[in-house]
Amino acid sequence: MIRFILRRCAIGLVLVWIVLTLIFLALHLVPGDPAALLLGGEGSGTPTPEALAQVRERLGLNDPFLVQYWNYLSGLFQGNLGTSFRDGSAVAGFIATRLPNTLELVLVASLLALVVGIPLGALAARRGGAVDTGISLLTAIGLAVPVYVIGTVMVLVFALTLRWFPAGGYVAFTEDPVGHLSRLVLPSIAIAMGITAVLARMTRSSVIETMGQDWVRTARSVGLARSQVFQGHVMRNSLNPVVTSFGLEVGALIGSTVLIERVFNWPGLGSLLIDAVLQRDYPIVQGVVIVVSVLFILINIVVDVSYGLLDPRVRQS
């Protein structure tokens, strides 16, 4: 098992290096002079050659390409994500402030999806008939309706009409725990609906396939109870593809919460990224993309390890 984990970690490190390199190349292949774009965004007219030279020197754009690449990688491994074009503040500070908010949103939504999606899929596969049809219809709606539509409808119904929850905003947990949790409910549910539908459909398909295996019929024929076979054998052997789908969905959620953060005015990475793009603050854009990419890779490593724990054949292969 240790060799399996070390091998997955080594693959993850290679993927991180590839992603960091691609981000560096993408930023350097963008047409135009970053110094001219930066100075032009300040509304000061055409920048002078002296001003352009100063900005290029400050950004290290006059260094050779490989030197820039080395400084880029060494700075990242030291935790230096650069400085903001807006006020010269460290990008790591902006991300450190917003990242916990996004992770909290994703974590709560993921837990809701696990608690609801897997039992729904198992129930649909086990009962069949009208129950299966009803759950399949609900999951189809959850997959078809965009998340920003779900969020907007929830604000209209539960915040503006029923007044059960606040319409949006953010309050720190240390300042007002009840207010923080009440503002977390609606965006978490809105995000969770899509991944819940994915997990339910994947669980249903996997359980149905597993229940058709010969060894399930053999277990029933030797006298084991239906519930014992289902809970102790069918569900465990059905979870591998569900875990894979869950890991991919959670990784994607980290970078796709921007719409919900806008709808509910939640200060996370997504809203930080949009603001940075609008203000052409490229170091913040680069920092957010790097953090999201690395988190996605880490989540997939955890999923691979979980996959190996559930199925020993994966470790042996």
Protein backbone atom coordinates (compact mmCIF):
# COMPACT_ATOMS: atom_id res chain seq x y z
CA MET A 1 0.00 0.00 0.00
CA ILE A 2 2.86 2.39 0.82
CA ARG A 3 4.41 1.80 -2.61
CA PHE A 4 1.04 2.45 -4.21
CA ILE A 5 0.68 5.78 -2.35
CA LEU A 6 4.26 6.84 -3.14
CA ARG A 7 3.75 6.02 -6.81
CA ARG A 8 0.58 8.11 -6.95
CA CYS A 9 2.33 11.00 -5.18
CA ALA A 10 5.22 10.85 -7.66
CA ILE A 11 2.79 10.97 -10.57
CA GLY A 12 1.04 13.90 -8.90
CA LEU A 13 4.31 15.83 -8.59
CA VAL A 14 5.00 15.33 -12.29
CA LEU A 15 1.50 16.55 -13.13
CA VAL A 16 1.99 19.63 -10.93
CA TRP A 17 5.22 20.46 -12.76
CA ILE A 18 3.53 20.03 -16.14
CA VAL A 19 0.62 22.26 -15.10
CA LEU A 20 2.92 24.96 -13.74
CA THR A 21 4.95 24.88 -16.94
CA LEU A 22 1.86 25.14 -19.13
CA ILE A 23 0.59 28.11 -17.11
CA PHE A 24 3.96 29.84 -17.49
CA LEU A 25 4.05 29.21 -21.23
CA ALA A 26 0.44 30.32 -21.68
CA LEU A 27 1.09 33.67 -20.01
CA HIS A 28 4.21 34.25 -22.12
CA LEU A 29 2.48 33.30 -25.36
CA VAL A 30 -0.31 35.87 -24.87
CA PRO A 31 0.05 38.55 -27.59
CA GLY A 32 1.16 41.97 -26.48
CA ASP A 33 3.57 43.44 -23.97
CA PRO A 34 2.49 42.86 -20.35
CA ALA A 35 4.14 46.12 -19.34
CA ALA A 36 2.18 48.05 -21.99
CA LEU A 37 -1.05 46.32 -20.96
CA LEU A 38 -0.41 47.17 -17.32
CA LEU A 39 0.36 50.83 -17.94
CA GLY A 40 -2.40 51.16 -20.52
CA GLY A 41 -4.97 49.93 -17.99
CA GLU A 42 -4.27 52.86 -15.70
CA GLY A 43 -5.93 55.41 -18.00
CA SER A 44 -2.75 57.49 -18.37
CA GLY A 45 -2.59 57.47 -22.17
CA THR A 46 0.32 56.08 -24.13
CA PRO A 47 3.11 54.98 -21.77
CA THR A 48 6.56 56.44 -22.23
CA PRO A 49 9.55 54.23 -23.10
CA GLU A 50 11.07 55.01 -19.70
CA ALA A 51 7.94 53.85 -17.90
CA LEU A 52 7.80 50.67 -20.00
CA ALA A 53 11.46 49.94 -19.23
CA GLN A 54 10.87 50.38 -15.50
CA VAL A 55 7.89 48.03 -15.48
CA ARG A 56 9.73 45.40 -17.53
CA GLU A 57 12.63 45.55 -15.11
CA ARG A 58 10.32 45.28 -12.10
CA LEU A 59 8.51 42.29 -13.60
CA GLY A 60 11.74 40.59 -14.68
CA LEU A 61 10.70 40.64 -18.34
CA ASN A 62 14.19 41.64 -19.44
CA ASP A 63 15.70 38.40 -18.15
CA PRO A 64 16.28 35.47 -20.52
CA PHE A 65 13.37 33.08 -20.93
CA LEU A 66 14.95 30.24 -18.94
CA VAL A 67 15.91 32.62 -16.14
CA GLN A 68 12.31 33.81 -15.95
CA TYR A 69 11.14 30.18 -15.84
CA TRP A 70 13.58 29.33 -13.06
CA ASN A 71 12.61 32.39 -11.01
CA TYR A 72 8.96 31.48 -11.55
CA LEU A 73 9.36 27.91 -10.28
CA SER A 74 11.68 28.78 -7.40
CA GLY A 75 9.31 31.52 -6.26
CA LEU A 76 6.35 29.14 -6.31
CA PHE A 77 8.15 26.52 -4.23
CA GLN A 78 8.94 29.27 -1.72
CA GLY A 79 5.28 30.24 -1.54
CA ASN A 80 5.75 33.41 -3.58
CA LEU A 81 2.90 33.78 -6.06
CA GLY A 82 3.92 37.29 -7.08
CA THR A 83 2.52 40.72 -6.28
CA SER A 84 -0.70 42.31 -7.37
CA PHE A 85 -0.62 44.95 -10.09
CA ARG A 86 -3.26 46.94 -8.23
CA ASP A 87 -1.49 47.78 -4.98
CA GLY A 88 1.66 45.69 -4.88
CA SER A 89 0.28 43.34 -2.21
CA ALA A 90 1.29 39.70 -2.16
CA VAL A 91 -0.97 37.46 -4.25
CA ALA A 92 -0.63 34.73 -1.63
CA GLY A 93 -2.35 37.02 0.87
CA PHE A 94 -5.38 37.51 -1.38
CA ILE A 95 -5.65 33.77 -2.00
CA ALA A 96 -5.13 32.87 1.67
CA THR A 97 -8.06 35.14 2.55
CA ARG A 98 -10.45 33.77 -0.10
CA LEU A 99 -9.44 30.10 -0.35
CA PRO A 100 -10.95 28.97 3.01
CA ASN A 101 -14.31 30.44 1.99
CA THR A 102 -14.35 28.49 -1.27
CA LEU A 103 -13.15 25.30 0.40
CA GLU A 104 -15.85 25.62 3.05
CA LEU A 105 -18.51 26.00 0.37
CA VAL A 106 -17.18 23.03 -1.60
CA LEU A 107 -16.78 20.85 1.51
CA VAL A 108 -20.33 21.41 2.75
CA ALA A 109 -21.77 20.89 -0.74
CA SER A 110 -19.74 17.70 -1.18
CA LEU A 111 -20.90 16.27 2.15
CA LEU A 112 -24.51 17.05 1.25
CA ALA A 113 -24.06 15.34 -2.11
CA LEU A 114 -22.56 12.24 -0.49
CA VAL A 115 -25.25 11.98 2.18
CA VAL A 116 -28.09 12.38 -0.33
CA GLY A 117 -26.76 11.16 -3.69
CA ILE A 118 -25.42 7.71 -2.80
CA PRO A 119 -28.51 6.59 -0.79
CA LEU A 120 -30.79 7.91 -3.54
CA GLY A 121 -28.93 5.96 -6.22
CA ALA A 122 -28.89 2.80 -4.12
CA LEU A 123 -32.60 3.15 -3.38
CA ALA A 124 -33.43 3.58 -7.07
CA ALA A 125 -31.40 0.50 -8.03
CA ARG A 126 -32.80 -1.67 -5.24
CA ARG A 127 -36.47 -0.73 -5.48
CA GLY A 128 -36.87 -0.11 -9.21
CA GLY A 129 -40.28 0.66 -10.65
CA ALA A 130 -41.90 3.97 -9.75
CA VAL A 131 -39.20 4.79 -7.19
CA ASP A 132 -36.49 4.38 -9.82
CA THR A 133 -38.45 6.48 -12.31
CA GLY A 134 -39.06 9.28 -9.82
CA ILE A 135 -35.43 9.46 -8.68
CA SER A 136 -34.19 9.35 -12.29
CA LEU A 137 -36.49 12.26 -13.13
CA LEU A 138 -35.20 14.29 -10.19
CA THR A 139 -31.58 13.64 -11.09
CA ALA A 140 -32.24 14.57 -14.71
CA ILE A 141 -33.64 17.91 -13.57
CA GLY A 142 -30.65 18.44 -11.30
CA LEU A 143 -28.29 17.86 -14.20
CA ALA A 144 -30.25 19.95 -16.71
CA VAL A 145 -30.88 23.13 -14.72
CA PRO A 146 -27.84 25.48 -14.56
CA VAL A 147 -26.48 26.18 -11.12
CA TYR A 148 -27.01 29.94 -11.38
CA VAL A 149 -30.70 29.35 -12.17
CA ILE A 150 -31.01 27.10 -9.12
CA GLY A 151 -29.30 29.72 -6.98
CA THR A 152 -31.49 32.55 -8.26
CA VAL A 153 -34.70 30.57 -7.70
CA MET A 154 -33.58 29.65 -4.18
CA VAL A 155 -32.92 33.31 -3.38
CA LEU A 156 -36.36 34.24 -4.72
CA VAL A 157 -38.21 31.51 -2.83
CA PHE A 158 -36.35 30.96 0.43
CA ALA A 159 -34.83 34.41 0.97
CA LEU A 160 -37.16 37.00 -0.55
CA THR A 161 -40.53 35.20 -0.31
CA LEU A 162 -40.34 32.90 2.71
CA ARG A 163 -37.51 34.83 4.41
CA TRP A 164 -36.06 31.68 5.90
CA PHE A 165 -32.46 32.53 5.01
CA PRO A 166 -30.50 35.66 4.07
CA ALA A 167 -30.31 36.45 0.35
CA GLY A 168 -26.53 36.52 0.39
CA GLY A 169 -23.48 38.13 1.89
CA TYR A 170 -20.81 36.82 4.22
CA VAL A 171 -20.24 36.99 7.95
CA ALA A 172 -17.20 35.44 9.61
CA PHE A 173 -17.96 32.44 11.82
CA THR A 174 -16.03 33.96 14.71
CA GLU A 175 -18.17 37.11 14.60
CA ASP A 176 -21.61 35.53 14.18
CA PRO A 177 -21.78 31.69 13.99
CA VAL A 178 -25.53 31.59 13.37
CA GLY A 179 -25.37 34.30 10.70
CA HIS A 180 -22.44 32.55 9.01
CA LEU A 181 -24.18 29.18 8.88
CA SER A 182 -27.48 30.69 7.72
CA ARG A 183 -25.69 32.35 4.79
CA LEU A 184 -23.94 29.09 3.97
CA VAL A 185 -27.09 26.98 3.54
CA LEU A 186 -28.48 28.24 0.23
CA PRO A 187 -25.22 28.39 -1.80
CA SER A 188 -24.17 24.97 -0.49
CA ILE A 189 -27.46 23.37 -1.50
CA ALA A 190 -27.39 25.08 -4.90
CA ILE A 191 -23.92 23.70 -5.62
CA ALA A 192 -24.72 20.28 -4.17
CA MET A 193 -27.71 19.64 -6.42
CA GLY A 194 -25.65 19.02 -9.55
CA ILE A 195 -23.10 16.71 -7.94
CA THR A 196 -25.90 14.93 -6.03
CA ALA A 197 -27.55 14.08 -9.34
CA VAL A 198 -24.25 12.78 -10.75
CA LEU A 199 -23.56 10.60 -7.71
CA ALA A 200 -27.12 9.24 -7.64
CA ARG A 201 -27.04 8.22 -11.30
CA MET A 202 -23.57 6.73 -11.02
CA THR A 203 -24.50 4.79 -7.86
CA ARG A 204 -27.68 3.49 -9.48
CA SER A 205 -25.83 2.23 -12.57
CA SER A 206 -23.02 0.69 -10.56
CA VAL A 207 -25.37 -1.07 -8.11
CA ILE A 208 -27.51 -2.48 -10.91
CA GLU A 209 -24.41 -3.83 -12.65
CA THR A 210 -23.05 -5.34 -9.45
CA MET A 211 -26.36 -6.98 -8.54
CA GLY A 212 -26.28 -8.85 -11.83
CA GLN A 213 -22.95 -10.56 -11.04
CA ASP A 214 -22.83 -14.31 -10.48
CA TRP A 215 -21.26 -14.04 -7.05
CA VAL A 216 -24.28 -12.06 -5.80
CA ARG A 217 -26.62 -14.86 -6.80
CA THR A 218 -24.23 -17.33 -5.16
CA ALA A 219 -24.28 -15.37 -1.90
CA ARG A 220 -28.07 -15.38 -1.95
CA SER A 221 -28.20 -19.10 -2.70
CA VAL A 222 -26.13 -20.02 0.37
CA GLY A 223 -28.71 -18.45 2.64
CA LEU A 224 -27.44 -14.91 3.24
CA ALA A 225 -30.18 -12.33 3.76
CA ARG A 226 -30.91 -9.90 0.96
CA SER A 227 -30.06 -6.88 3.14
CA GLN A 228 -26.82 -8.52 4.28
CA VAL A 229 -25.71 -9.19 0.73
CA PHE A 230 -26.65 -5.70 -0.40
CA GLN A 231 -25.05 -3.75 2.44
CA GLY A 232 -22.02 -5.92 3.01
CA HIS A 233 -21.08 -6.87 -0.53
CA VAL A 234 -23.00 -5.09 -3.30
CA MET A 235 -22.56 -1.54 -2.04
CA ARG A 236 -18.85 -1.86 -1.32
CA ASN A 237 -18.13 -3.31 -4.74
CA SER A 238 -20.26 -0.60 -6.35
CA LEU A 239 -18.46 2.35 -4.81
CA ASN A 240 -15.30 2.39 -6.96
CA PRO A 241 -16.74 4.29 -9.96
CA VAL A 242 -18.73 6.46 -7.56
CA VAL A 243 -15.54 7.50 -5.75
CA THR A 244 -13.90 8.34 -9.07
CA SER A 245 -16.84 10.48 -10.18
CA PHE A 246 -16.99 12.17 -6.78
CA GLY A 247 -13.32 13.12 -6.92
CA LEU A 248 -13.65 14.61 -10.39
CA GLU A 249 -16.77 16.55 -9.41
CA VAL A 250 -15.21 17.95 -6.22
CA GLY A 251 -12.11 19.01 -8.13
CA ALA A 252 -14.23 20.75 -10.72
CA LEU A 253 -16.31 22.46 -8.02
CA ILE A 254 -13.28 24.35 -6.70
CA GLY A 255 -12.92 26.17 -9.99
CA SER A 256 -16.60 26.42 -10.88
CA THR A 257 -18.14 28.07 -7.81
CA VAL A 258 -17.76 31.51 -9.40
CA LEU A 259 -21.41 31.77 -10.48
CA ILE A 260 -22.77 30.83 -7.07
CA GLU A 261 -20.30 33.15 -5.37
CA ARG A 262 -21.60 35.96 -7.56
CA VAL A 263 -25.26 35.10 -6.99
CA PHE A 264 -24.87 34.93 -3.20
CA ASN A 265 -22.08 37.52 -2.90
CA TRP A 266 -19.79 34.94 -1.29
CA PRO A 267 -16.14 36.10 -1.16
CA GLY A 268 -14.29 33.10 -2.58
CA LEU A 269 -11.66 32.31 -5.19
CA GLY A 270 -14.13 32.47 -8.05
CA SER A 271 -15.13 36.07 -7.40
CA LEU A 272 -11.48 36.97 -6.82
CA LEU A 273 -10.60 35.51 -10.21
CA ILE A 274 -13.36 37.42 -12.02
CA ASP A 275 -12.35 40.70 -10.37
CA ALA A 276 -8.71 40.10 -11.31
CA VAL A 277 -9.61 39.38 -14.94
CA LEU A 278 -11.72 42.53 -15.19
CA GLN A 279 -8.91 44.60 -13.68
CA ARG A 280 -6.24 42.83 -15.74
CA ASP A 281 -4.37 41.86 -12.58
CA TYR A 282 -2.50 38.96 -14.18
CA PRO A 283 -0.48 37.84 -11.12
CA ILE A 284 -3.73 37.20 -9.21
CA VAL A 285 -5.19 35.36 -12.21
CA GLN A 286 -2.06 33.22 -12.43
CA GLY A 287 -2.05 32.55 -8.68
CA VAL A 288 -5.69 31.47 -8.57
CA VAL A 289 -5.26 29.17 -11.58
CA ILE A 290 -2.17 27.59 -10.02
CA VAL A 291 -3.87 26.99 -6.66
CA VAL A 292 -6.99 25.52 -8.26
CA SER A 293 -4.92 23.25 -10.52
CA VAL A 294 -2.77 21.96 -7.67
CA LEU A 295 -5.84 21.32 -5.51
CA PHE A 296 -7.47 19.40 -8.35
CA ILE A 297 -4.40 17.17 -8.65
CA LEU A 298 -4.25 16.62 -4.87
CA ILE A 299 -7.91 15.63 -4.79
CA ASN A 300 -7.35 13.11 -7.55
CA ILE A 301 -4.40 11.61 -5.64
CA VAL A 302 -6.68 11.17 -2.63
CA VAL A 303 -9.29 9.56 -4.88
CA ASP A 304 -6.70 7.15 -6.31
CA VAL A 305 -5.60 6.15 -2.81
CA SER A 306 -9.23 5.66 -1.76
CA TYR A 307 -9.79 3.57 -4.86
CA GLY A 308 -6.88 1.37 -3.84
CA LEU A 309 -8.25 0.98 -0.33
CA LEU A 310 -11.65 -0.11 -1.66
CA ASP A 311 -10.28 -2.51 -4.27
CA PRO A 312 -6.98 -4.36 -3.54
CA ARG A 313 -6.75 -5.34 -7.22
CA VAL A 314 -6.00 -1.71 -8.07
CA ARG A 315 -2.97 -1.71 -5.76
CA GLN A 316 -1.68 -4.95 -7.23
CA SER A 317 -1.99 -3.69 -10.80
